[in-house]
Amino acid sequence: MSDSILVATRKGLFTVERAAARPQGWKISRAEFLGDNISMVLADPRDGQRYAAFDHGHFGCKLHRSAGPGKSWEE
């Protein structure tokens, strides 16, 4: 079982990790793109890159990519 979950929401992208202090507890460890509608997120197990799909409504869909766990995003 994985110790982290990527959660795409209408309010941004969140990384939720298992809390070490509590065996059944989870905590939000990272929040990115706050206020943006993230429709889908993918962590590629082959090279560790992350992809986030945005739904900007009037402007259409955009795809962002990060080389690591959210270190730097590029469109």
N, C-alpha and C. Protein backbone atom coordinates (compact mmCIF):
# COMPACT_ATOMS: atom_id res chain seq x y z
N MET A 1 0.84 -1.17 0.00
CA MET A 1 0.00 0.00 0.00
C MET A 1 0.89 1.24 0.00
N SER A 2 0.47 2.22 -0.76
CA SER A 2 1.23 3.45 -0.87
C SER A 2 1.07 4.32 0.38
N ASP A 3 2.09 5.11 0.65
CA ASP A 3 2.04 6.02 1.79
C ASP A 3 1.63 7.42 1.41
N SER A 4 1.33 7.65 0.12
CA SER A 4 0.87 8.98 -0.30
C SER A 4 -0.19 8.85 -1.39
N ILE A 5 -1.06 9.86 -1.44
CA ILE A 5 -2.17 9.89 -2.39
C ILE A 5 -2.17 11.29 -3.02
N LEU A 6 -2.33 11.35 -4.34
CA LEU A 6 -2.51 12.63 -5.03
C LEU A 6 -4.00 12.84 -5.21
N VAL A 7 -4.50 14.00 -4.77
CA VAL A 7 -5.92 14.31 -4.81
C VAL A 7 -6.14 15.55 -5.67
N ALA A 8 -6.86 15.37 -6.79
CA ALA A 8 -7.19 16.48 -7.68
C ALA A 8 -8.60 16.95 -7.34
N THR A 9 -8.75 18.26 -7.09
CA THR A 9 -10.05 18.81 -6.73
C THR A 9 -10.30 20.10 -7.51
N ARG A 10 -11.48 20.65 -7.32
CA ARG A 10 -11.80 21.95 -7.92
C ARG A 10 -11.08 23.08 -7.20
N LYS A 11 -10.47 22.78 -6.07
CA LYS A 11 -9.77 23.79 -5.27
C LYS A 11 -8.26 23.66 -5.32
N GLY A 12 -7.73 22.75 -6.13
CA GLY A 12 -6.29 22.60 -6.24
C GLY A 12 -5.85 21.15 -6.22
N LEU A 13 -4.54 20.98 -6.13
CA LEU A 13 -3.92 19.66 -6.08
C LEU A 13 -3.32 19.45 -4.70
N PHE A 14 -3.65 18.34 -4.06
CA PHE A 14 -3.19 18.07 -2.71
C PHE A 14 -2.47 16.73 -2.65
N THR A 15 -1.38 16.70 -1.91
CA THR A 15 -0.67 15.45 -1.62
C THR A 15 -0.99 15.08 -0.19
N VAL A 16 -1.56 13.91 -0.01
CA VAL A 16 -1.95 13.43 1.32
C VAL A 16 -1.03 12.26 1.66
N GLU A 17 -0.38 12.34 2.82
CA GLU A 17 0.55 11.29 3.23
C GLU A 17 0.12 10.68 4.56
N ARG A 18 0.51 9.44 4.73
CA ARG A 18 0.23 8.74 5.99
C ARG A 18 1.03 9.38 7.11
N ALA A 19 0.35 9.71 8.20
CA ALA A 19 1.01 10.33 9.36
C ALA A 19 1.77 9.26 10.13
N ALA A 20 3.01 9.54 10.46
CA ALA A 20 3.84 8.56 11.16
C ALA A 20 3.40 8.37 12.61
N ALA A 21 2.86 9.41 13.21
CA ALA A 21 2.48 9.34 14.62
C ALA A 21 1.26 8.45 14.85
N ARG A 22 0.33 8.46 13.89
CA ARG A 22 -0.88 7.67 14.03
C ARG A 22 -0.94 6.64 12.91
N PRO A 23 -1.10 5.37 13.21
CA PRO A 23 -1.10 4.35 12.15
C PRO A 23 -2.26 4.49 11.17
N GLN A 24 -3.39 5.00 11.61
CA GLN A 24 -4.55 5.16 10.72
C GLN A 24 -4.76 6.59 10.28
N GLY A 25 -3.83 7.48 10.59
CA GLY A 25 -4.02 8.90 10.30
C GLY A 25 -3.37 9.32 8.99
N TRP A 26 -3.97 10.30 8.34
CA TRP A 26 -3.46 10.88 7.11
C TRP A 26 -3.41 12.40 7.29
N LYS A 27 -2.50 13.06 6.59
CA LYS A 27 -2.42 14.51 6.67
C LYS A 27 -2.06 15.08 5.29
N ILE A 28 -2.49 16.31 5.04
CA ILE A 28 -2.15 16.99 3.80
C ILE A 28 -0.72 17.53 3.96
N SER A 29 0.18 17.03 3.13
CA SER A 29 1.58 17.45 3.25
C SER A 29 1.96 18.53 2.25
N ARG A 30 1.18 18.67 1.17
CA ARG A 30 1.50 19.66 0.15
C ARG A 30 0.24 20.11 -0.56
N ALA A 31 0.11 21.40 -0.78
CA ALA A 31 -1.01 21.97 -1.52
C ALA A 31 -0.45 22.82 -2.66
N GLU A 32 -0.93 22.55 -3.88
CA GLU A 32 -0.43 23.26 -5.05
C GLU A 32 -1.60 23.72 -5.91
N PHE A 33 -1.39 24.76 -6.67
CA PHE A 33 -2.40 25.30 -7.59
C PHE A 33 -3.70 25.65 -6.85
N LEU A 34 -3.58 26.27 -5.70
CA LEU A 34 -4.76 26.60 -4.90
C LEU A 34 -5.72 27.48 -5.69
N GLY A 35 -6.98 27.10 -5.71
CA GLY A 35 -8.02 27.84 -6.41
C GLY A 35 -8.22 27.43 -7.85
N ASP A 36 -7.34 26.58 -8.39
CA ASP A 36 -7.48 26.10 -9.77
C ASP A 36 -8.21 24.77 -9.79
N ASN A 37 -8.99 24.56 -10.86
CA ASN A 37 -9.74 23.32 -11.03
C ASN A 37 -8.82 22.29 -11.67
N ILE A 38 -8.37 21.31 -10.89
CA ILE A 38 -7.54 20.22 -11.39
C ILE A 38 -8.45 19.04 -11.66
N SER A 39 -8.57 18.66 -12.92
CA SER A 39 -9.52 17.60 -13.27
C SER A 39 -8.90 16.20 -13.16
N MET A 40 -7.58 16.09 -13.30
CA MET A 40 -6.95 14.78 -13.23
C MET A 40 -5.48 14.94 -12.87
N VAL A 41 -4.93 13.97 -12.17
CA VAL A 41 -3.51 13.98 -11.82
C VAL A 41 -2.96 12.57 -11.98
N LEU A 42 -1.70 12.48 -12.41
CA LEU A 42 -1.06 11.18 -12.63
C LEU A 42 0.38 11.25 -12.18
N ALA A 43 0.80 10.27 -11.42
CA ALA A 43 2.20 10.11 -11.05
C ALA A 43 2.73 8.94 -11.88
N ASP A 44 3.65 9.23 -12.79
CA ASP A 44 4.19 8.20 -13.68
C ASP A 44 5.23 7.38 -12.93
N PRO A 45 4.98 6.09 -12.71
CA PRO A 45 5.94 5.28 -11.95
C PRO A 45 7.23 5.00 -12.69
N ARG A 46 7.25 5.19 -14.02
CA ARG A 46 8.46 4.89 -14.79
C ARG A 46 9.57 5.88 -14.52
N ASP A 47 9.25 7.18 -14.45
CA ASP A 47 10.30 8.18 -14.28
C ASP A 47 10.03 9.17 -13.16
N GLY A 48 8.92 9.01 -12.43
CA GLY A 48 8.63 9.87 -11.29
C GLY A 48 8.00 11.21 -11.63
N GLN A 49 7.73 11.47 -12.91
CA GLN A 49 7.11 12.74 -13.27
C GLN A 49 5.65 12.74 -12.89
N ARG A 50 5.15 13.94 -12.64
CA ARG A 50 3.73 14.11 -12.31
C ARG A 50 3.07 14.97 -13.37
N TYR A 51 1.85 14.62 -13.71
CA TYR A 51 1.08 15.36 -14.69
C TYR A 51 -0.22 15.82 -14.04
N ALA A 52 -0.56 17.07 -14.27
CA ALA A 52 -1.80 17.63 -13.73
C ALA A 52 -2.57 18.28 -14.87
N ALA A 53 -3.84 17.88 -15.03
CA ALA A 53 -4.70 18.45 -16.07
C ALA A 53 -5.60 19.50 -15.44
N PHE A 54 -5.60 20.69 -16.04
CA PHE A 54 -6.40 21.81 -15.57
C PHE A 54 -7.63 21.96 -16.45
N ASP A 55 -8.74 22.35 -15.86
CA ASP A 55 -9.93 22.71 -16.63
C ASP A 55 -10.19 24.18 -16.35
N HIS A 56 -9.77 25.04 -17.29
CA HIS A 56 -9.89 26.49 -17.10
C HIS A 56 -11.21 27.05 -17.60
N GLY A 57 -12.17 26.20 -17.88
CA GLY A 57 -13.47 26.69 -18.32
C GLY A 57 -13.40 27.35 -19.68
N HIS A 58 -13.46 28.66 -19.70
CA HIS A 58 -13.48 29.42 -20.94
C HIS A 58 -12.21 29.23 -21.78
N PHE A 59 -11.06 29.08 -21.13
CA PHE A 59 -9.79 28.96 -21.83
C PHE A 59 -9.45 27.53 -22.22
N GLY A 60 -10.24 26.56 -21.79
CA GLY A 60 -10.01 25.16 -22.16
C GLY A 60 -9.10 24.44 -21.19
N CYS A 61 -8.64 23.28 -21.62
CA CYS A 61 -7.82 22.41 -20.77
C CYS A 61 -6.34 22.68 -20.99
N LYS A 62 -5.56 22.53 -19.93
CA LYS A 62 -4.11 22.69 -19.98
C LYS A 62 -3.48 21.52 -19.25
N LEU A 63 -2.27 21.15 -19.64
CA LEU A 63 -1.54 20.07 -19.00
C LEU A 63 -0.23 20.62 -18.46
N HIS A 64 0.04 20.36 -17.18
CA HIS A 64 1.29 20.77 -16.56
C HIS A 64 2.06 19.52 -16.16
N ARG A 65 3.40 19.64 -16.16
CA ARG A 65 4.25 18.51 -15.84
C ARG A 65 5.30 18.94 -14.83
N SER A 66 5.62 18.04 -13.91
CA SER A 66 6.65 18.30 -12.90
C SER A 66 7.65 17.16 -12.95
N ALA A 67 8.94 17.50 -12.89
CA ALA A 67 9.98 16.48 -12.93
C ALA A 67 10.08 15.69 -11.63
N GLY A 68 9.58 16.23 -10.56
CA GLY A 68 9.66 15.54 -9.27
C GLY A 68 8.36 15.73 -8.53
N PRO A 69 8.39 15.51 -7.24
CA PRO A 69 7.16 15.66 -6.46
C PRO A 69 6.78 17.14 -6.27
N GLY A 70 6.37 17.78 -7.34
CA GLY A 70 5.91 19.17 -7.27
C GLY A 70 6.99 20.20 -7.12
N LYS A 71 8.23 19.88 -7.48
CA LYS A 71 9.31 20.85 -7.29
C LYS A 71 9.17 22.04 -8.22
N SER A 72 8.99 21.78 -9.49
CA SER A 72 8.80 22.87 -10.45
C SER A 72 7.87 22.37 -11.54
N TRP A 73 6.86 23.15 -11.83
CA TRP A 73 5.86 22.77 -12.83
C TRP A 73 6.09 23.57 -14.09
N GLU A 74 5.87 22.93 -15.24
CA GLU A 74 5.93 23.62 -16.52
C GLU A 74 4.72 23.23 -17.34
N GLU A 75 4.26 24.17 -18.16
CA GLU A 75 3.06 23.94 -18.96
C GLU A 75 3.40 23.17 -20.21
